[in-house]
Protein backbone atom coordinates (compact mmCIF):
# COMPACT_ATOMS: atom_id res chain seq x y z
CA MET A 1 0.05 0.09 0.21
CA ASP A 2 1.35 3.54 -0.92
CA GLN A 3 2.83 4.99 2.45
CA ALA A 4 1.60 8.55 1.33
CA ASP A 5 2.04 11.59 3.65
CA ALA A 6 -1.21 11.60 6.16
CA VAL A 7 -0.17 14.79 8.48
CA GLY A 8 2.70 16.73 8.20
CA GLY A 9 4.69 14.42 6.22
CA ARG A 10 4.67 11.16 8.47
CA PRO A 11 3.53 8.13 7.04
CA CYS A 12 0.19 6.72 6.89
CA TYR A 13 -0.40 4.50 9.74
CA ASP A 14 -2.27 1.34 8.53
CA ARG A 15 -1.92 -2.38 8.54
CA ASP A 16 0.87 -2.55 6.22
CA LEU A 17 2.80 -0.13 8.05
CA LEU A 18 2.27 -1.65 11.62
CA LEU A 19 2.02 -5.26 10.49
CA LEU A 20 3.99 -5.77 7.38
CA GLY A 21 6.20 -2.94 7.73
CA PRO A 22 8.92 -1.26 9.73
CA LYS A 23 6.97 -0.49 12.75
CA ARG A 24 5.84 -4.31 13.14
CA ASN A 25 8.35 -4.72 16.40
CA ASP A 26 8.50 -0.96 17.47
CA VAL A 27 6.51 -0.03 20.78
CA LEU A 28 4.31 2.40 19.80
CA THR A 29 3.56 5.91 21.18
CA LEU A 30 0.47 7.46 22.01
CA SER A 31 0.62 9.61 19.14
CA GLU A 32 1.46 6.62 17.02
CA LEU A 33 -1.68 4.69 18.30
CA HIS A 34 -3.86 8.01 18.03
CA ALA A 35 -2.64 8.16 14.28
CA TYR A 36 -3.15 4.35 13.62
CA GLY A 37 -6.87 4.75 14.74
CA THR A 38 -7.34 8.18 12.65
CA ASP A 39 -5.52 7.09 9.81
CA SER A 40 -7.08 3.59 9.29
CA PHE A 41 -10.64 4.58 11.17
CA GLY A 42 -11.19 8.09 11.51
CA ASP A 43 -11.16 7.68 15.22
CA ALA A 44 -8.16 8.24 17.07
CA ASP A 45 -9.63 6.37 20.22
CA TYR A 46 -10.32 3.09 17.95
CA LEU A 47 -7.85 0.92 19.91
CA ARG A 48 -9.80 0.81 23.28
CA LEU A 49 -8.57 -2.01 25.43
CA TYR A 50 -9.45 -3.33 28.82
CA GLY A 51 -12.21 -0.84 28.92
CA MET A 52 -10.06 2.04 28.56
CA THR A 53 -9.43 4.28 25.85
CA PRO A 54 -5.70 4.70 24.28
CA ALA A 55 -4.92 7.66 26.46
CA GLU A 56 -6.13 5.79 29.43
CA TRP A 57 -4.49 2.32 28.90
CA TYR A 58 -1.16 4.04 27.77
CA ALA A 59 -1.24 6.30 31.08
CA ARG A 60 -1.45 3.00 33.09
CA GLY A 61 1.58 1.72 31.71
CA ILE A 62 0.21 -0.49 28.86
CA ARG A 63 2.30 -0.90 25.83
CA LEU A 64 1.81 -2.37 22.66
CA LEU A 65 4.17 -3.56 19.63
CA GLY A 66 2.97 -2.33 16.01
CA ARG A 67 1.70 -5.83 15.05
CA THR A 68 -0.24 -6.54 18.18
CA ALA A 69 -2.07 -3.04 17.68
CA VAL A 70 -3.38 -4.35 14.41
CA GLU A 71 -3.86 -8.03 15.51
CA CYS A 72 -5.67 -7.55 18.78
CA THR A 73 -9.30 -7.42 19.14
CA ARG A 74 -10.48 -4.08 20.39
CA ASP A 75 -12.89 -3.57 23.34
CA GLU A 76 -16.14 -3.02 21.15
CA LEU A 77 -15.71 -6.39 19.26
CA ALA A 78 -14.29 -8.38 22.08
CA ARG A 79 -17.04 -7.45 24.22
CA VAL A 80 -19.70 -8.73 21.77
CA ILE A 81 -17.52 -12.07 21.15
CA GLY A 82 -17.39 -12.43 24.93
CA GLN A 83 -21.19 -12.10 25.39
CA ASP A 84 -22.02 -14.69 22.47
CA VAL A 85 -19.67 -17.15 24.03
CA ALA A 86 -20.83 -16.46 27.36
CA ALA A 87 -24.61 -17.28 26.22
CA LEU A 88 -23.86 -20.39 24.56
CA ALA A 89 -21.40 -21.91 27.83
CA ALA A 90 -24.75 -20.89 30.13
CA VAL A 91 -26.41 -23.60 28.20
CA ALA A 92 -23.57 -26.17 28.25
CA PRO A 93 -23.76 -29.15 30.64
CA ALA A 94 -21.08 -28.10 32.88
CA ARG A 95 -20.35 -25.92 35.79
CA ASP A 96 -16.33 -25.61 35.68
CA ILE A 97 -14.98 -23.81 32.67
CA THR A 98 -11.67 -23.17 31.48
CA VAL A 99 -10.90 -20.52 28.73
CA VAL A 100 -8.03 -21.25 26.54
CA ASP A 101 -6.31 -18.54 24.28
CA PRO A 102 -3.28 -20.28 22.11
CA PHE A 103 -2.75 -17.04 20.30
CA ALA A 104 -3.23 -14.55 23.01
CA GLY A 105 -1.28 -11.39 22.13
CA SER A 106 -2.85 -8.46 23.68
CA GLY A 107 -4.99 -10.96 25.79
CA ASN A 108 -7.99 -8.50 25.40
CA THR A 109 -10.15 -11.25 24.00
CA ILE A 110 -9.96 -13.30 26.91
CA TYR A 111 -10.07 -10.64 29.24
CA TRP A 112 -13.24 -9.85 28.14
CA ILE A 113 -14.65 -13.47 27.73
CA LEU A 114 -13.56 -14.17 31.31
CA ARG A 115 -15.38 -10.88 32.71
CA GLN A 116 -18.73 -12.65 30.78
CA VAL A 117 -18.40 -16.34 31.79
CA PRO A 118 -19.06 -16.49 35.44
CA HIS A 119 -16.68 -18.94 37.29
CA ALA A 120 -14.39 -19.46 34.33
CA THR A 121 -10.42 -19.53 34.66
CA GLY A 122 -8.38 -18.52 31.69
CA LEU A 123 -5.04 -19.91 30.12
CA ALA A 124 -3.51 -17.88 27.53
CA PHE A 125 -0.49 -18.72 25.29
CA GLU A 126 1.89 -16.56 23.48
CA LEU A 127 4.82 -17.91 21.64
CA ASP A 128 6.76 -14.49 20.73
CA SER A 129 8.78 -13.71 24.03
CA ARG A 130 8.44 -9.63 23.24
CA VAL A 131 4.45 -9.83 22.96
CA TYR A 132 4.53 -12.09 26.09
CA GLU A 133 6.41 -9.57 28.41
CA LEU A 134 4.44 -6.75 27.33
CA SER A 135 1.06 -8.42 27.75
CA ARG A 136 2.11 -10.11 31.14
CA HIS A 137 2.83 -6.68 32.35
CA ASN A 138 -0.23 -5.35 30.96
CA LEU A 139 -2.83 -7.51 32.29
CA PRO A 140 -1.68 -8.04 35.89
CA GLY A 141 -4.45 -6.88 38.58
CA MET A 142 -6.96 -6.76 35.70
CA ASP A 143 -7.81 -10.37 35.81
CA THR A 144 -6.41 -12.86 38.69
CA ARG A 145 -7.94 -15.78 37.02
CA LEU A 146 -5.98 -15.53 33.97
CA THR A 147 -2.32 -17.68 33.84
CA TRP A 148 -0.08 -16.67 31.12
CA ALA A 149 2.40 -19.15 29.62
CA ASN A 150 5.21 -18.27 26.95
CA GLY A 151 5.62 -20.60 24.28
CA ASN A 152 3.93 -22.93 21.84
CA TYR A 153 0.61 -23.84 23.13
CA GLU A 154 1.05 -27.31 21.21
CA SER A 155 3.93 -28.45 23.71
CA LEU A 156 2.43 -26.80 26.83
CA LEU A 157 -1.18 -27.80 27.02
CA HIS A 158 -0.09 -30.91 28.83
CA GLU A 159 1.19 -28.87 31.50
CA PHE A 160 -2.21 -27.34 32.49
CA PRO A 161 -4.43 -30.38 33.00
CA THR A 162 -8.14 -30.01 33.27
CA ALA A 163 -10.53 -31.81 35.48
CA SER A 164 -12.81 -34.35 34.25
CA GLY A 165 -16.35 -32.98 33.17
CA GLU A 166 -14.76 -29.40 32.71
CA LEU A 167 -16.10 -27.40 29.77
CA ILE A 168 -13.56 -26.06 27.50
CA VAL A 169 -13.98 -22.66 25.65
CA ALA A 170 -11.11 -22.05 23.14
CA PHE A 171 -10.75 -18.64 21.19
CA VAL A 172 -9.22 -19.47 17.98
CA ALA A 173 -7.66 -16.52 16.14
CA PRO A 174 -4.02 -17.31 14.80
CA PRO A 175 -2.25 -14.23 13.14
CA TRP A 176 -3.90 -13.58 9.65
CA GLY A 177 -0.99 -12.21 8.27
CA THR A 178 -1.50 -12.56 4.45
CA ALA A 179 -4.37 -14.81 4.82
CA LEU A 180 -6.52 -11.91 4.65
CA SER A 181 -6.71 -10.14 1.15
CA GLU A 182 -9.18 -7.91 -0.55
CA ALA A 183 -9.58 -10.22 -3.36
CA VAL A 184 -11.15 -13.35 -1.30
CA GLY A 185 -11.40 -11.84 2.16
CA LEU A 186 -9.96 -14.46 4.83
CA ASP A 187 -8.87 -17.85 3.93
CA LEU A 188 -8.72 -19.74 7.25
CA SER A 189 -6.47 -22.35 5.54
CA ARG A 190 -3.67 -19.58 5.35
CA THR A 191 -3.50 -18.45 9.02
CA SER A 192 -0.35 -18.83 10.81
CA PRO A 193 -1.20 -21.86 11.52
CA PRO A 194 -4.03 -23.00 9.52
CA VAL A 195 -7.57 -22.90 11.86
CA ALA A 196 -8.25 -26.57 11.24
CA ASP A 197 -4.89 -27.80 12.52
CA VAL A 198 -5.40 -25.75 15.69
CA ILE A 199 -8.90 -27.13 16.22
CA ALA A 200 -7.45 -30.59 15.51
CA THR A 201 -4.69 -29.88 18.18
CA LEU A 202 -7.31 -28.82 20.81
CA ARG A 203 -9.37 -31.71 20.39
CA ARG A 204 -6.70 -34.22 20.88
CA ALA A 205 -5.47 -32.16 23.92
CA TYR A 206 -9.11 -32.18 25.51
CA ALA A 207 -10.34 -35.66 24.24
CA GLY A 208 -13.26 -36.44 26.23
CA HIS A 209 -14.23 -32.94 27.11
CA ARG A 210 -16.93 -30.82 25.86
CA MET A 211 -15.60 -27.91 23.90
CA ILE A 212 -16.82 -24.35 22.33
CA CYS A 213 -14.57 -22.95 19.79
CA ALA A 214 -15.19 -19.37 19.22
CA VAL A 215 -12.99 -18.74 15.82
CA GLN A 216 -12.53 -15.04 14.86
CA VAL A 217 -13.58 -14.38 11.21
CA TYR A 218 -14.05 -11.97 8.75
CA GLU A 219 -17.41 -10.99 6.87
CA ARG A 220 -15.98 -12.37 3.68
CA LEU A 221 -14.42 -16.01 3.83
CA GLU A 222 -12.98 -18.39 1.31
CA PRO A 223 -15.68 -20.91 1.13
CA ASN A 224 -13.65 -23.97 1.25
CA SER A 225 -11.82 -23.12 4.19
CA LEU A 226 -14.81 -22.77 5.76
CA LYS A 227 -16.53 -25.67 4.70
CA GLN A 228 -13.47 -27.59 6.04
CA ILE A 229 -13.87 -25.88 9.50
CA LEU A 230 -17.48 -26.40 9.97
CA ALA A 231 -17.03 -30.36 9.00
CA MET A 232 -15.16 -30.48 12.33
CA PHE A 233 -17.85 -29.16 14.71
CA ASP A 234 -21.02 -31.23 15.86
CA TRP A 235 -23.10 -27.82 15.82
CA SER A 236 -21.86 -24.51 14.64
CA ARG A 237 -23.40 -20.61 14.15
CA GLN A 238 -21.74 -17.87 12.66
CA ARG A 239 -22.39 -14.33 13.18
CA ILE A 240 -20.72 -11.16 11.78
CA TYR A 241 -20.88 -7.87 14.14
CA ASP A 242 -22.29 -4.43 12.60
CA LEU A 243 -19.88 -2.39 13.85
CA GLY A 244 -19.73 0.31 11.66
CA THR A 245 -16.86 -0.30 9.52
CA VAL A 246 -18.47 -1.49 5.83
CA GLY A 247 -16.74 -3.93 4.36
CA ALA A 248 -14.36 -4.82 7.00
CA ASN A 249 -16.62 -6.17 9.69
CA HIS A 250 -15.18 -8.90 11.81
CA GLY A 251 -17.11 -11.80 13.42
CA ILE A 252 -17.44 -15.05 15.25
CA LEU A 253 -17.80 -18.52 14.36
CA LEU A 254 -19.12 -20.50 17.49
CA GLY A 255 -18.62 -24.43 16.91
CA THR A 256 -19.09 -27.33 19.58
CA THR A 257 -17.58 -30.93 20.09
CA GLY A 258 -19.14 -33.55 22.40
CA TRP A 259 -22.15 -31.63 22.60
CA ARG A 260 -24.81 -29.96 20.97
CA PRO A 261 -26.61 -26.92 22.66
CA ASP A 262 -30.22 -27.70 21.32
CA GLU A 263 -29.62 -31.33 23.33
CA SER A 264 -29.10 -29.61 26.48
CA ALA A 265 -31.83 -27.43 26.68
CA GLY A 266 -34.22 -29.82 27.88
């Protein structure tokens, strides 16, 4: 994308600059966070996290890398995802719930899920050491039910055993990177790693558990990749959220394994 001047000769703070360009591994200043919101979405306060505006969370010492600013789920979206997950978990035949985020990043989505799913505990994995250190610093005291782990979730899941009968809620949002394009939308088979591989790993790790998978999606999805994911669930429902960003709305694909909500109602 053309990095044309935006204001006063500075580059345009967009997805290309922060995720794929020279700002990818930089800790962003408050003015850069505001520039990203303004240039990309027409709102300096676009990147609301943990229930706060950028100025509020920045003043509390919370910091993000450029790539995390692009890939994190802002409050407006994370809140409604949490509401839909909580509504489905409420009809599940389980009292104890563990929420797992294999690609936690900022941790904002699991933060909002834990706020809305009663009596749940959280487990957040982050492979990148810099992102992990920042996020672990950002969230202490904001939710004591959340445990952070630095490393590949596949190799670490066994270190966090769950009790028999516990419901597993997995938020599946691996980095999109180049899997998102204007031509086809989001290709779930090209995320890093592919969404189907993540779900398969979780199913093996939590064999015998009832599970809810909440897959973050885009309003346009590559059809074959979606079909592959739907075939892995016993029940599924997709919802796209109208948050005012026409042509760029995100959503959630909820799927269950080991149970169906229509069988739990009675």
